Amino acid sequence: MREPRHHLRRWALLAPLGLAAIGFGLSLTGEAIRLKAQGRPASRWFGLGTLGLIVVNSGIATVVEAGKHKALADLGRARETGA
């Protein structure tokens, strides 16, 4: 098993990236919704909305991966201290 510091570094990197990706993806999706509501042609909003949803789902997956690393770091620290 890797040392807890490795997992803490991965968590510290992935958690904010995932949260930023979720926010950005929601912004893209919202913009696509706005364009659709204005009656713009599908060629203007469909790709943007699809990209937005891809980014949101990638962000969610990244946050879940970060959570895994946090749990592994906590488990490793507990094993080191014998708790």
C-alpha atoms as a PDB file:
ATOM      1  CA  MET A   1       0.000   0.000   0.000  1.00  0.00           C
ATOM      2  CA  ARG A   2       1.272   3.471  -0.833  1.00  0.00           C
ATOM      3  CA  GLU A   3       2.124   5.869   1.922  1.00  0.00           C
ATOM      4  CA  PRO A   4      -0.611   8.248   3.130  1.00  0.00           C
ATOM      5  CA  ARG A   5       1.262  11.345   1.878  1.00  0.00           C
ATOM      6  CA  HIS A   6       0.954  10.108  -1.709  1.00  0.00           C
ATOM      7  CA  HIS A   7      -2.814   9.814  -1.338  1.00  0.00           C
ATOM      8  CA  LEU A   8      -3.085  13.195   0.400  1.00  0.00           C
ATOM      9  CA  ARG A   9      -1.210  14.849  -2.479  1.00  0.00           C
ATOM     10  CA  ARG A  10      -3.512  13.203  -5.014  1.00  0.00           C
ATOM     11  CA  TRP A  11      -6.566  14.283  -3.003  1.00  0.00           C
ATOM     12  CA  ALA A  12      -5.286  17.864  -2.710  1.00  0.00           C
ATOM     13  CA  LEU A  13      -4.807  17.991  -6.488  1.00  0.00           C
ATOM     14  CA  LEU A  14      -7.919  16.178  -7.668  1.00  0.00           C
ATOM     15  CA  ALA A  15     -10.570  17.623  -5.342  1.00  0.00           C
ATOM     16  CA  PRO A  16     -10.289  21.268  -6.474  1.00  0.00           C
ATOM     17  CA  LEU A  17      -9.856  20.248 -10.119  1.00  0.00           C
ATOM     18  CA  GLY A  18     -13.010  18.171  -9.977  1.00  0.00           C
ATOM     19  CA  LEU A  19     -14.994  20.934  -8.318  1.00  0.00           C
ATOM     20  CA  ALA A  20     -13.769  23.471 -10.868  1.00  0.00           C
ATOM     21  CA  ALA A  21     -14.704  21.109 -13.710  1.00  0.00           C
ATOM     22  CA  ILE A  22     -18.222  20.700 -12.301  1.00  0.00           C
ATOM     23  CA  GLY A  23     -18.669  24.472 -12.117  1.00  0.00           C
ATOM     24  CA  PHE A  24     -17.299  25.030 -15.603  1.00  0.00           C
ATOM     25  CA  GLY A  25     -19.419  22.248 -17.061  1.00  0.00           C
ATOM     26  CA  LEU A  26     -22.546  23.670 -15.460  1.00  0.00           C
ATOM     27  CA  SER A  27     -21.698  27.080 -16.920  1.00  0.00           C
ATOM     28  CA  LEU A  28     -21.331  25.581 -20.394  1.00  0.00           C
ATOM     29  CA  THR A  29     -24.584  23.676 -20.024  1.00  0.00           C
ATOM     30  CA  GLY A  30     -26.365  26.788 -18.768  1.00  0.00           C
ATOM     31  CA  GLU A  31     -25.135  28.771 -21.740  1.00  0.00           C
ATOM     32  CA  ALA A  32     -26.419  26.067 -24.083  1.00  0.00           C
ATOM     33  CA  ILE A  33     -29.804  26.181 -22.333  1.00  0.00           C
ATOM     34  CA  ARG A  34     -29.878  29.961 -22.735  1.00  0.00           C
ATOM     35  CA  LEU A  35     -29.102  29.692 -26.453  1.00  0.00           C
ATOM     36  CA  LYS A  36     -31.811  27.066 -26.922  1.00  0.00           C
ATOM     37  CA  ALA A  37     -34.345  29.179 -25.024  1.00  0.00           C
ATOM     38  CA  GLN A  38     -33.577  32.089 -27.357  1.00  0.00           C
ATOM     39  CA  GLY A  39     -34.538  29.893 -30.296  1.00  0.00           C
ATOM     40  CA  ARG A  40     -31.039  29.665 -31.740  1.00  0.00           C
ATOM     41  CA  PRO A  41     -30.415  26.814 -34.189  1.00  0.00           C
ATOM     42  CA  ALA A  42     -29.389  23.463 -32.712  1.00  0.00           C
ATOM     43  CA  SER A  43     -25.994  23.786 -34.364  1.00  0.00           C
ATOM     44  CA  ARG A  44     -25.261  26.640 -31.916  1.00  0.00           C
ATOM     45  CA  TRP A  45     -26.292  24.991 -28.645  1.00  0.00           C
ATOM     46  CA  PHE A  46     -26.157  21.206 -29.098  1.00  0.00           C
ATOM     47  CA  GLY A  47     -22.374  20.828 -29.123  1.00  0.00           C
ATOM     48  CA  LEU A  48     -21.945  23.275 -26.258  1.00  0.00           C
ATOM     49  CA  GLY A  49     -24.535  21.455 -24.156  1.00  0.00           C
ATOM     50  CA  THR A  50     -22.969  18.090 -24.903  1.00  0.00           C
ATOM     51  CA  LEU A  51     -19.520  19.363 -23.981  1.00  0.00           C
ATOM     52  CA  GLY A  52     -20.922  20.874 -20.786  1.00  0.00           C
ATOM     53  CA  LEU A  53     -22.442  17.560 -19.718  1.00  0.00           C
ATOM     54  CA  ILE A  54     -19.198  15.721 -20.496  1.00  0.00           C
ATOM     55  CA  VAL A  55     -17.248  18.199 -18.359  1.00  0.00           C
ATOM     56  CA  VAL A  56     -19.759  17.930 -15.474  1.00  0.00           C
ATOM     57  CA  ASN A  57     -19.556  14.136 -15.485  1.00  0.00           C
ATOM     58  CA  SER A  58     -15.760  14.238 -15.680  1.00  0.00           C
ATOM     59  CA  GLY A  59     -15.728  16.592 -12.710  1.00  0.00           C
ATOM     60  CA  ILE A  60     -17.954  14.258 -10.709  1.00  0.00           C
ATOM     61  CA  ALA A  61     -15.690  11.315 -11.512  1.00  0.00           C
ATOM     62  CA  THR A  62     -12.648  13.355 -10.480  1.00  0.00           C
ATOM     63  CA  VAL A  63     -14.228  14.317  -7.143  1.00  0.00           C
ATOM     64  CA  VAL A  64     -15.066  10.658  -6.494  1.00  0.00           C
ATOM     65  CA  GLU A  65     -11.469   9.688  -7.289  1.00  0.00           C
ATOM     66  CA  ALA A  66     -10.261  12.386  -4.894  1.00  0.00           C
ATOM     67  CA  GLY A  67     -12.521  10.988  -2.199  1.00  0.00           C
ATOM     68  CA  LYS A  68     -11.008   7.557  -2.736  1.00  0.00           C
ATOM     69  CA  HIS A  69      -7.518   8.939  -2.190  1.00  0.00           C
ATOM     70  CA  LYS A  70      -8.629  10.784   0.952  1.00  0.00           C
ATOM     71  CA  ALA A  71     -10.091   7.569   2.355  1.00  0.00           C
ATOM     72  CA  LEU A  72      -6.917   5.645   1.523  1.00  0.00           C
ATOM     73  CA  ALA A  73      -4.794   8.330   3.196  1.00  0.00           C
ATOM     74  CA  ASP A  74      -6.947   8.183   6.321  1.00  0.00           C
ATOM     75  CA  LEU A  75      -6.754   4.390   6.348  1.00  0.00           C
ATOM     76  CA  GLY A  76      -2.962   4.494   5.955  1.00  0.00           C
ATOM     77  CA  ARG A  77      -2.594   6.968   8.821  1.00  0.00           C
ATOM     78  CA  ALA A  78      -4.813   4.846  11.034  1.00  0.00           C
ATOM     79  CA  ARG A  79      -2.659   1.785  10.265  1.00  0.00           C
ATOM     80  CA  GLU A  80       0.524   3.732  11.026  1.00  0.00           C
ATOM     81  CA  THR A  81      -0.767   4.871  14.412  1.00  0.00           C
ATOM     82  CA  GLY A  82      -2.336   1.513  15.217  1.00  0.00           C
ATOM     83  CA  ALA A  83      -5.778   3.049  15.698  1.00  0.00           C
END
